[in-house]
Amino acid sequence: MAARNDRLDVYLVRHAFAAHADPARWPDDATRPLTNEGIARFRVAARGLRRLVPAVDSLLSSGYARAWQTAELLHEVAGWRTPEECPSLEAGRPATSVLDVLRGRSERSLALVGHEPQLSMLASILCTGSEDALDLELKKGAVAFLSFAGPVEPARASLRWTVSPKILRRLDSTSRDA
């Protein structure tokens, strides 16, 4: 891939609505899937997101079932790239671990599918340098857009927008689901 010339757009996508944690059903929380309603609603949201962001250069995702299913829907419905597994995006990993991933990529646009509170902490680090200075919490299926005009370093990103899943669904002109 070509060098990005110190410009990078990052889309942080929280996984869609998943089943409630239940150790009896999913002893390993990494296997907990999206619900059927979560899938259906995120399909509509992904069509709306496609109107805002027609393509990304790469799509990285936590390997947890709920995040991976969300990334697959972005590929299938929004037409984004085939997802690549990124262990740094797994639930419970420090947000700072994603910094090295971002620094090691050469694309101009990346989508990262993961979990809360890691994604909000990552946004805060990238925009302010501190993981708790930016008061942001992404709802399930929400997206935040950050951009860098220079190197990927803490406090160097600009938060361009955040969009809730409800707004994304409204952007899909083919849907009646709002």
Protein backbone atom coordinates (compact mmCIF):
# COMPACT_ATOMS: atom_id res chain seq x y z
CA MET A 1 0.00 0.00 0.00
CA ALA A 2 1.14 3.53 -0.68
CA ALA A 3 2.14 5.86 2.13
CA ARG A 4 -0.72 7.94 3.39
CA ASN A 5 1.32 11.17 3.58
CA ASP A 6 0.44 11.70 7.25
CA ARG A 7 -3.30 11.97 6.62
CA LEU A 8 -5.56 9.38 8.18
CA ASP A 9 -9.32 9.12 8.63
CA VAL A 10 -10.45 6.72 11.35
CA TYR A 11 -14.00 5.46 11.82
CA LEU A 12 -14.68 3.93 15.24
CA VAL A 13 -17.67 1.57 15.08
CA ARG A 14 -19.13 0.02 18.20
CA HIS A 15 -20.55 -3.43 17.63
CA ALA A 16 -24.31 -3.71 17.12
CA PHE A 17 -26.75 -4.92 19.79
CA ALA A 18 -25.67 -8.30 21.17
CA ALA A 19 -27.27 -10.82 23.45
CA HIS A 20 -26.91 -10.06 27.16
CA ALA A 21 -23.91 -11.60 28.86
CA ASP A 22 -24.92 -15.01 30.18
CA PRO A 23 -22.12 -17.30 31.38
CA ALA A 24 -24.48 -20.29 31.18
CA ARG A 25 -25.05 -19.74 27.42
CA TRP A 26 -21.64 -18.25 26.56
CA PRO A 27 -18.98 -19.32 29.08
CA ASP A 28 -16.53 -17.49 26.84
CA ASP A 29 -17.89 -13.95 26.37
CA ALA A 30 -15.94 -13.69 23.10
CA THR A 31 -18.51 -16.03 21.53
CA ARG A 32 -21.55 -13.92 22.48
CA PRO A 33 -23.31 -13.02 19.19
CA LEU A 34 -25.49 -10.23 17.92
CA THR A 35 -29.21 -10.73 18.37
CA ASN A 36 -31.44 -11.21 15.33
CA GLU A 37 -32.90 -7.75 15.99
CA GLY A 38 -29.38 -6.32 16.36
CA ILE A 39 -28.45 -7.77 12.96
CA ALA A 40 -31.62 -6.47 11.28
CA ARG A 41 -31.28 -2.97 12.73
CA PHE A 42 -27.57 -2.73 11.96
CA ARG A 43 -28.18 -3.77 8.33
CA VAL A 44 -30.30 -0.64 7.99
CA ALA A 45 -27.73 1.47 9.85
CA ALA A 46 -24.95 0.13 7.59
CA ARG A 47 -26.90 1.25 4.51
CA GLY A 48 -27.20 4.71 6.07
CA LEU A 49 -23.50 4.74 6.94
CA ARG A 50 -22.67 3.87 3.33
CA ARG A 51 -24.24 7.22 2.37
CA LEU A 52 -21.80 9.06 4.67
CA VAL A 53 -18.75 6.85 4.05
CA PRO A 54 -18.96 4.98 0.74
CA ALA A 55 -15.66 3.14 1.26
CA VAL A 56 -12.70 2.66 3.59
CA ASP A 57 -9.25 1.40 2.72
CA SER A 58 -9.26 -1.23 5.51
CA LEU A 59 -11.69 -2.64 8.04
CA LEU A 60 -10.18 -3.98 11.27
CA SER A 61 -12.25 -5.75 13.89
CA SER A 62 -12.11 -7.39 17.26
CA GLY A 63 -12.38 -11.13 16.83
CA TYR A 64 -15.20 -11.29 19.39
CA ALA A 65 -18.31 -12.69 17.68
CA ARG A 66 -20.46 -9.58 18.14
CA ALA A 67 -17.81 -7.23 16.72
CA TRP A 68 -16.86 -9.61 13.92
CA GLN A 69 -20.52 -10.00 12.87
CA THR A 70 -20.83 -6.19 12.82
CA ALA A 71 -17.73 -5.94 10.61
CA GLU A 72 -19.09 -8.61 8.28
CA LEU A 73 -22.32 -6.61 7.95
CA LEU A 74 -20.30 -3.51 7.06
CA HIS A 75 -18.58 -5.54 4.35
CA GLU A 76 -21.78 -7.11 3.06
CA VAL A 77 -24.19 -4.17 3.32
CA ALA A 78 -22.01 -1.05 3.14
CA GLY A 79 -19.61 -2.58 0.62
CA TRP A 80 -16.58 -1.92 2.81
CA ARG A 81 -13.44 -4.07 2.61
CA THR A 82 -13.29 -7.62 3.94
CA PRO A 83 -12.63 -7.40 7.70
CA GLU A 84 -9.24 -8.24 9.18
CA GLU A 85 -9.00 -9.51 12.74
CA CYS A 86 -7.21 -7.14 15.10
CA PRO A 87 -6.56 -8.56 18.60
CA SER A 88 -5.82 -5.06 19.96
CA LEU A 89 -9.53 -4.26 19.51
CA GLU A 90 -10.73 -7.08 21.76
CA ALA A 91 -12.77 -6.20 24.84
CA GLY A 92 -10.64 -5.52 27.87
CA ARG A 93 -7.52 -4.53 25.92
CA PRO A 94 -6.07 -1.10 26.71
CA ALA A 95 -7.04 1.62 24.27
CA THR A 96 -3.36 2.55 23.92
CA SER A 97 -2.66 -0.82 22.27
CA VAL A 98 -4.57 0.40 19.21
CA LEU A 99 -2.14 3.31 18.77
CA ASP A 100 0.60 0.96 17.57
CA VAL A 101 -1.84 -0.63 15.14
CA LEU A 102 -2.72 2.79 13.68
CA ARG A 103 0.93 3.81 13.45
CA GLY A 104 1.78 0.61 11.60
CA ARG A 105 -0.78 1.10 8.82
CA SER A 106 -0.31 3.01 5.59
CA GLU A 107 -3.93 3.43 4.49
CA ARG A 108 -5.65 6.81 4.32
CA SER A 109 -8.86 5.50 5.90
CA LEU A 110 -9.47 2.80 8.48
CA ALA A 111 -12.59 1.52 10.19
CA LEU A 112 -12.14 -0.09 13.60
CA VAL A 113 -14.95 -2.26 14.98
CA GLY A 114 -14.81 -2.90 18.69
CA HIS A 115 -16.21 -2.42 22.15
CA GLU A 116 -16.93 0.13 24.83
CA PRO A 117 -15.34 1.62 26.82
CA GLN A 118 -12.19 1.01 24.75
CA LEU A 119 -13.38 2.89 21.64
CA SER A 120 -14.39 6.00 23.60
CA MET A 121 -11.12 5.92 25.53
CA LEU A 122 -9.24 5.59 22.23
CA ALA A 123 -11.11 8.60 20.80
CA SER A 124 -10.25 10.58 23.92
CA ILE A 125 -6.55 9.64 23.74
CA LEU A 126 -6.37 10.48 20.04
CA CYS A 127 -8.14 13.83 20.46
CA THR A 128 -6.91 15.01 23.87
CA GLY A 129 -4.00 12.84 24.97
CA SER A 130 -5.94 11.52 27.97
CA GLU A 131 -8.28 8.54 28.00
CA ASP A 132 -10.93 10.29 30.10
CA ALA A 133 -10.85 13.95 28.98
CA LEU A 134 -13.38 13.49 26.15
CA ASP A 135 -16.84 12.66 27.48
CA LEU A 136 -17.95 10.22 24.79
CA GLU A 137 -19.85 6.96 24.93
CA LEU A 138 -20.72 5.24 21.67
CA LYS A 139 -24.08 3.49 21.65
CA LYS A 140 -24.20 0.02 20.17
CA GLY A 141 -23.95 0.44 16.40
CA ALA A 142 -22.78 4.08 16.62
CA VAL A 143 -19.85 5.55 14.69
CA ALA A 144 -17.30 8.26 15.47
CA PHE A 145 -15.16 9.85 12.73
CA LEU A 146 -11.71 11.18 13.64
CA SER A 147 -9.06 12.55 11.32
CA PHE A 148 -5.35 13.18 11.51
CA ALA A 149 -3.64 15.86 9.41
CA GLY A 150 -0.24 14.67 10.65
CA PRO A 151 1.31 11.68 12.36
CA VAL A 152 -0.77 9.36 14.53
CA GLU A 153 0.01 10.60 18.04
CA PRO A 154 -2.11 11.29 21.12
CA ALA A 155 -3.91 14.65 21.03
CA ARG A 156 -3.37 15.01 17.25
CA ALA A 157 -6.77 13.83 15.96
CA SER A 158 -9.83 15.96 15.34
CA LEU A 159 -13.25 14.57 16.18
CA ARG A 160 -15.29 15.32 13.04
CA TRP A 161 -18.61 13.72 13.99
CA THR A 162 -20.40 10.99 15.87
CA VAL A 163 -23.59 9.41 14.61
CA SER A 164 -26.03 7.29 16.57
CA PRO A 165 -27.48 4.13 15.04
CA LYS A 166 -30.92 5.75 14.99
CA ILE A 167 -29.64 8.57 12.77
CA LEU A 168 -27.80 6.07 10.56
CA ARG A 169 -31.05 4.14 10.08
CA ARG A 170 -32.83 7.36 9.13
CA LEU A 171 -30.17 8.03 6.50
CA ASP A 172 -31.15 4.83 4.74
CA SER A 173 -33.76 6.05 2.30
CA THR A 174 -34.86 2.48 1.55
CA SER A 175 -35.96 1.84 5.12
CA ARG A 176 -39.05 2.59 7.12
CA ASP A 177 -37.28 1.56 10.34
CA ALA A 178 -36.31 4.59 12.40
